[in-house]
Amino acid sequence: MSAVPLWERILHDLERRIASGEIVDRFPTDRELVERYGVSRHTVREAVQRLHARGLVERHRGRGSFVRPDQLQQPVGTLYSLFRAVEDAGLEQYSEVLALDTRVDAVAAARLELPDDTELLYLQRVRYAGEQPLAIDAVWLPAEPTRPLLEVDWRRTALYDELAERCGLRLTAADELIEPAMPDASSVPLLRLDDDEALFRIERCGRIDGRPFEWRVALVRGRRFAFTSSWDRTREVSPVGFSPHPAT
């Protein structure tokens, strides 16, 4: 008789089936697993609970369990492009433009340390990773040096690439605030959110030679995007600051 518990053997088989693509999207019910493996419901639940604990399967109230989609991972402390993060993960990136114009916005102007009546370029997009929406991304820039961006086809390109190519401008630094957020009525259909799904709100202030140039607010699906960090005691470590209250 094997010394490996029955639930653990089932767990390993379920992990194999998920990794091979045999189980995708909807995860089998307890009854289906009992019938497949010929074991008790208690044994099945023990294996499934371990899958939940490892983040491979997630429950949705009233809908059952589903295989968790692969998350995009991004190290904190880097000036990243959401376009590049998606492409590097092997997924097709494209955007649906919701707004592209120039406008006056006193709040955004203040973030950019400009007079309230300064004309700003505003770009808002729904960002996709593969077939699934990933984020709602809104960015404000001073309009005067960035007007060429009004002519860009934003369906499949990166802001920072276009800013460099068309305007000759590159960010030299940025600060970000990342915090959890509850979706509002408009973001739920745009991001196809589940009832219990939360968001990251990422606020970025990009600078050129010390002066604010970009203010960006992105609402990113928490189940599709993760931030990572690492440290090495043999190297100098810069402390990370946290603030309880107060980017692709």
Protein backbone atom coordinates (compact mmCIF):
# COMPACT_ATOMS: atom_id res chain seq x y z
CA MET A 1 0.00 0.00 0.00
CA SER A 2 1.27 3.46 -0.90
CA ALA A 3 2.42 5.63 1.99
CA VAL A 4 1.13 8.70 0.14
CA PRO A 5 -2.35 9.69 1.39
CA LEU A 6 -5.16 9.24 -1.10
CA TRP A 7 -6.06 12.94 -1.11
CA GLU A 8 -2.43 13.80 -1.93
CA ARG A 9 -2.38 11.45 -4.92
CA ILE A 10 -5.58 13.08 -6.18
CA LEU A 11 -4.06 16.51 -5.59
CA HIS A 12 -1.01 15.65 -7.69
CA ASP A 13 -3.20 14.29 -10.48
CA LEU A 14 -5.35 17.44 -10.47
CA GLU A 15 -2.23 19.61 -10.61
CA ARG A 16 -1.01 17.55 -13.57
CA ARG A 17 -4.34 17.91 -15.37
CA ILE A 18 -4.36 21.68 -14.83
CA ALA A 19 -0.74 22.07 -15.99
CA SER A 20 -1.36 20.00 -19.13
CA GLY A 21 -4.47 22.00 -20.05
CA GLU A 22 -6.83 19.08 -19.54
CA ILE A 23 -8.76 21.15 -17.00
CA VAL A 24 -9.32 24.75 -18.05
CA ASP A 25 -11.82 27.40 -16.95
CA ARG A 26 -14.51 25.47 -15.05
CA PHE A 27 -13.18 23.16 -12.35
CA PRO A 28 -15.02 19.83 -11.77
CA THR A 29 -17.60 19.67 -8.98
CA ASP A 30 -17.08 17.50 -5.90
CA ARG A 31 -19.58 14.99 -7.30
CA GLU A 32 -17.70 14.74 -10.60
CA LEU A 33 -14.42 14.20 -8.77
CA VAL A 34 -15.93 11.54 -6.50
CA GLU A 35 -17.18 9.67 -9.58
CA ARG A 36 -13.85 9.99 -11.42
CA TYR A 37 -11.59 8.88 -8.57
CA GLY A 38 -13.95 6.54 -6.75
CA VAL A 39 -13.29 8.10 -3.34
CA SER A 40 -15.31 9.80 -0.63
CA ARG A 41 -16.41 13.42 -0.79
CA HIS A 42 -14.22 14.12 2.26
CA THR A 43 -11.10 12.93 0.40
CA VAL A 44 -11.96 15.02 -2.66
CA ARG A 45 -12.55 18.14 -0.57
CA GLU A 46 -9.19 17.71 1.16
CA ALA A 47 -7.42 17.75 -2.23
CA VAL A 48 -9.47 20.65 -3.58
CA GLN A 49 -8.86 22.75 -0.47
CA ARG A 50 -5.11 22.38 -1.09
CA LEU A 51 -5.60 23.61 -4.67
CA HIS A 52 -7.48 26.64 -3.35
CA ALA A 53 -4.73 27.31 -0.81
CA ARG A 54 -2.11 27.23 -3.58
CA GLY A 55 -4.09 29.69 -5.68
CA LEU A 56 -4.70 27.27 -8.56
CA VAL A 57 -8.48 27.24 -8.17
CA GLU A 58 -10.86 29.96 -7.07
CA ARG A 59 -14.47 29.78 -5.94
CA HIS A 60 -17.28 32.01 -7.21
CA ARG A 61 -20.40 32.07 -5.10
CA GLY A 62 -23.33 30.57 -6.99
CA ARG A 63 -21.15 29.65 -10.00
CA GLY A 64 -18.79 26.97 -8.73
CA SER A 65 -15.00 26.76 -8.95
CA PHE A 66 -12.72 27.79 -11.79
CA VAL A 67 -9.08 27.33 -12.68
CA ARG A 68 -7.37 30.60 -11.87
CA PRO A 69 -5.96 32.37 -14.94
CA ASP A 70 -2.24 32.97 -15.12
CA GLN A 71 -1.26 36.26 -13.51
CA LEU A 72 1.00 38.81 -15.08
CA GLN A 73 3.80 39.60 -12.64
CA GLN A 74 5.67 42.88 -12.37
CA PRO A 75 8.51 43.74 -9.98
CA VAL A 76 7.87 46.80 -7.85
CA GLY A 77 10.28 49.70 -8.09
CA THR A 78 10.60 49.63 -11.89
CA LEU A 79 9.24 51.94 -14.57
CA TYR A 80 7.29 49.34 -16.48
CA SER A 81 5.08 49.42 -19.55
CA LEU A 82 1.85 47.45 -19.34
CA PHE A 83 2.22 46.81 -23.06
CA ARG A 84 5.60 45.19 -22.47
CA ALA A 85 4.39 43.23 -19.43
CA VAL A 86 1.61 41.65 -21.48
CA GLU A 87 3.78 40.97 -24.52
CA ASP A 88 6.56 39.46 -22.40
CA ALA A 89 4.01 37.05 -20.94
CA GLY A 90 3.34 35.75 -24.44
CA LEU A 91 -0.12 37.32 -24.70
CA GLU A 92 -1.44 39.60 -27.39
CA GLN A 93 -1.86 43.17 -26.15
CA TYR A 94 -4.38 45.52 -27.62
CA SER A 95 -6.39 48.52 -26.46
CA GLU A 96 -9.87 49.89 -26.90
CA VAL A 97 -9.74 53.68 -26.84
CA LEU A 98 -12.46 55.29 -24.72
CA ALA A 99 -11.22 58.89 -25.00
CA LEU A 100 -8.46 60.76 -26.83
CA ASP A 101 -8.62 64.55 -26.78
CA THR A 102 -7.34 67.72 -25.17
CA ARG A 103 -9.13 69.18 -22.20
CA VAL A 104 -8.79 71.28 -19.07
CA ASP A 105 -8.77 69.37 -15.78
CA ALA A 106 -7.82 71.24 -12.61
CA VAL A 107 -7.12 68.07 -10.60
CA ALA A 108 -4.81 66.62 -13.23
CA ALA A 109 -3.12 69.99 -13.74
CA ALA A 110 -2.40 70.20 -10.02
CA ARG A 111 -0.81 66.74 -10.09
CA LEU A 112 1.41 67.96 -12.92
CA GLU A 113 2.17 71.17 -11.02
CA LEU A 114 0.63 73.29 -13.78
CA PRO A 115 -1.93 76.13 -13.70
CA ASP A 116 -5.55 74.97 -13.47
CA ASP A 117 -6.38 76.18 -16.99
CA THR A 118 -3.49 74.39 -18.71
CA GLU A 119 -4.59 72.37 -21.75
CA LEU A 120 -3.85 68.67 -21.24
CA LEU A 121 -3.83 65.67 -23.52
CA TYR A 122 -6.10 62.93 -22.15
CA LEU A 123 -5.99 59.28 -23.20
CA GLN A 124 -8.24 56.61 -21.67
CA ARG A 125 -8.12 52.98 -22.77
CA VAL A 126 -9.33 49.52 -21.84
CA ARG A 127 -6.20 47.36 -21.97
CA TYR A 128 -6.50 43.70 -22.98
CA ALA A 129 -4.24 40.72 -22.30
CA GLY A 130 -5.25 38.11 -24.83
CA GLU A 131 -9.03 37.99 -25.07
CA GLN A 132 -9.62 39.25 -21.55
CA PRO A 133 -9.69 42.89 -20.37
CA LEU A 134 -6.92 43.65 -17.90
CA ALA A 135 -7.13 47.34 -16.98
CA ILE A 136 -8.77 50.70 -17.49
CA ASP A 137 -5.94 53.14 -18.02
CA ALA A 138 -6.25 56.94 -17.99
CA VAL A 139 -3.31 59.30 -18.54
CA TRP A 140 -2.91 63.08 -18.61
CA LEU A 141 0.06 64.85 -20.25
CA PRO A 142 0.80 68.52 -21.02
CA ALA A 143 -0.81 69.06 -24.42
CA GLU A 144 1.70 71.47 -25.97
CA PRO A 145 4.62 69.07 -26.53
CA THR A 146 2.45 65.93 -27.01
CA ARG A 147 -0.08 66.91 -29.71
CA PRO A 148 1.40 64.39 -32.20
CA LEU A 149 -0.02 61.65 -29.94
CA LEU A 150 -3.53 62.66 -31.05
CA GLU A 151 -2.78 61.04 -34.41
CA VAL A 152 -1.66 57.67 -33.01
CA ASP A 153 -3.60 54.45 -33.58
CA TRP A 154 -3.56 53.22 -30.00
CA ARG A 155 -4.99 49.76 -30.62
CA ARG A 156 -1.60 48.06 -30.35
CA THR A 157 1.21 50.29 -29.23
CA ALA A 158 2.86 51.61 -26.08
CA LEU A 159 2.57 55.18 -24.82
CA TYR A 160 6.25 55.47 -23.92
CA ASP A 161 7.32 54.23 -27.37
CA GLU A 162 5.10 56.78 -29.10
CA LEU A 163 6.18 59.54 -26.73
CA ALA A 164 9.83 58.88 -27.60
CA GLU A 165 9.33 58.42 -31.34
CA ARG A 166 6.87 61.23 -32.06
CA CYS A 167 7.77 63.77 -29.38
CA GLY A 168 11.38 62.97 -28.53
CA LEU A 169 10.51 62.66 -24.83
CA ARG A 170 11.39 59.96 -22.29
CA LEU A 171 10.47 59.73 -18.63
CA THR A 172 13.46 59.75 -16.31
CA ALA A 173 11.70 58.85 -13.04
CA ALA A 174 8.31 57.95 -11.64
CA ASP A 175 6.51 57.46 -8.33
CA GLU A 176 3.64 55.02 -7.87
CA LEU A 177 0.96 54.44 -5.30
CA ILE A 178 -0.65 50.99 -5.41
CA GLU A 179 -3.76 50.34 -3.33
CA PRO A 180 -6.80 48.02 -3.39
CA ALA A 181 -10.00 49.44 -4.81
CA MET A 182 -13.59 48.37 -5.19
CA PRO A 183 -14.98 48.58 -8.72
CA ASP A 184 -17.58 51.19 -9.59
CA ALA A 185 -20.60 50.68 -11.83
CA SER A 186 -18.75 51.69 -14.98
CA SER A 187 -15.70 49.45 -14.50
CA VAL A 188 -17.66 46.21 -13.94
CA PRO A 189 -18.88 45.74 -17.54
CA LEU A 190 -15.73 47.20 -19.12
CA LEU A 191 -13.49 44.73 -17.28
CA ARG A 192 -16.07 41.89 -17.17
CA LEU A 193 -15.58 41.63 -13.45
CA ASP A 194 -17.00 38.85 -11.29
CA ASP A 195 -19.19 39.81 -8.36
CA ASP A 196 -16.42 39.27 -5.81
CA GLU A 197 -13.52 40.63 -7.85
CA ALA A 198 -11.48 43.58 -6.61
CA LEU A 199 -9.01 45.88 -8.32
CA PHE A 200 -5.63 47.48 -7.89
CA ARG A 201 -5.68 51.25 -8.26
CA ILE A 202 -2.28 52.33 -9.53
CA GLU A 203 -1.51 56.03 -9.54
CA ARG A 204 1.69 57.04 -11.28
CA CYS A 205 3.43 60.40 -11.50
CA GLY A 206 6.09 60.26 -14.21
CA ARG A 207 8.80 62.92 -14.37
CA ILE A 208 11.28 64.26 -16.88
CA ASP A 209 14.38 65.79 -15.32
CA GLY A 210 12.61 66.20 -12.00
CA ARG A 211 9.44 67.88 -13.32
CA PRO A 212 6.06 66.07 -13.35
CA PHE A 213 5.06 65.19 -16.90
CA GLU A 214 2.64 62.24 -16.70
CA TRP A 215 -0.23 61.58 -14.33
CA ARG A 216 -1.77 58.16 -14.79
CA VAL A 217 -4.51 56.27 -12.97
CA ALA A 218 -5.03 52.60 -13.84
CA LEU A 219 -7.63 50.20 -12.46
CA VAL A 220 -6.16 46.72 -12.85
CA ARG A 221 -7.88 43.39 -12.26
CA GLY A 222 -6.40 41.88 -9.12
CA ARG A 223 -6.78 38.34 -10.43
CA ARG A 224 -4.80 39.04 -13.59
CA PHE A 225 -1.92 41.13 -12.26
CA ALA A 226 0.52 40.70 -9.38
CA PHE A 227 3.42 42.75 -8.07
CA THR A 228 6.56 41.01 -6.87
CA SER A 229 9.51 42.06 -4.75
CA SER A 230 12.80 40.46 -3.73
CA TRP A 231 15.71 41.19 -1.45
CA ASP A 232 19.25 40.02 -0.98
CA ARG A 233 20.98 40.48 2.36
CA THR A 234 24.35 40.60 0.60
CA ARG A 235 23.34 43.80 -1.19
CA GLU A 236 22.28 47.19 0.02
CA VAL A 237 18.52 47.26 0.46
CA SER A 238 16.41 50.36 0.04
CA PRO A 239 13.47 50.42 2.43
CA VAL A 240 9.98 50.41 0.96
CA GLY A 241 7.59 52.99 2.39
CA PHE A 242 3.93 52.35 3.05
CA SER A 243 1.20 54.92 3.53
CA PRO A 244 -2.30 54.05 4.78
CA HIS A 245 -3.82 56.74 2.53
CA PRO A 246 -2.65 58.81 -0.30
CA ALA A 247 1.26 53.53 -13.31
CA THR A 248 0.68 51.19 -18.11
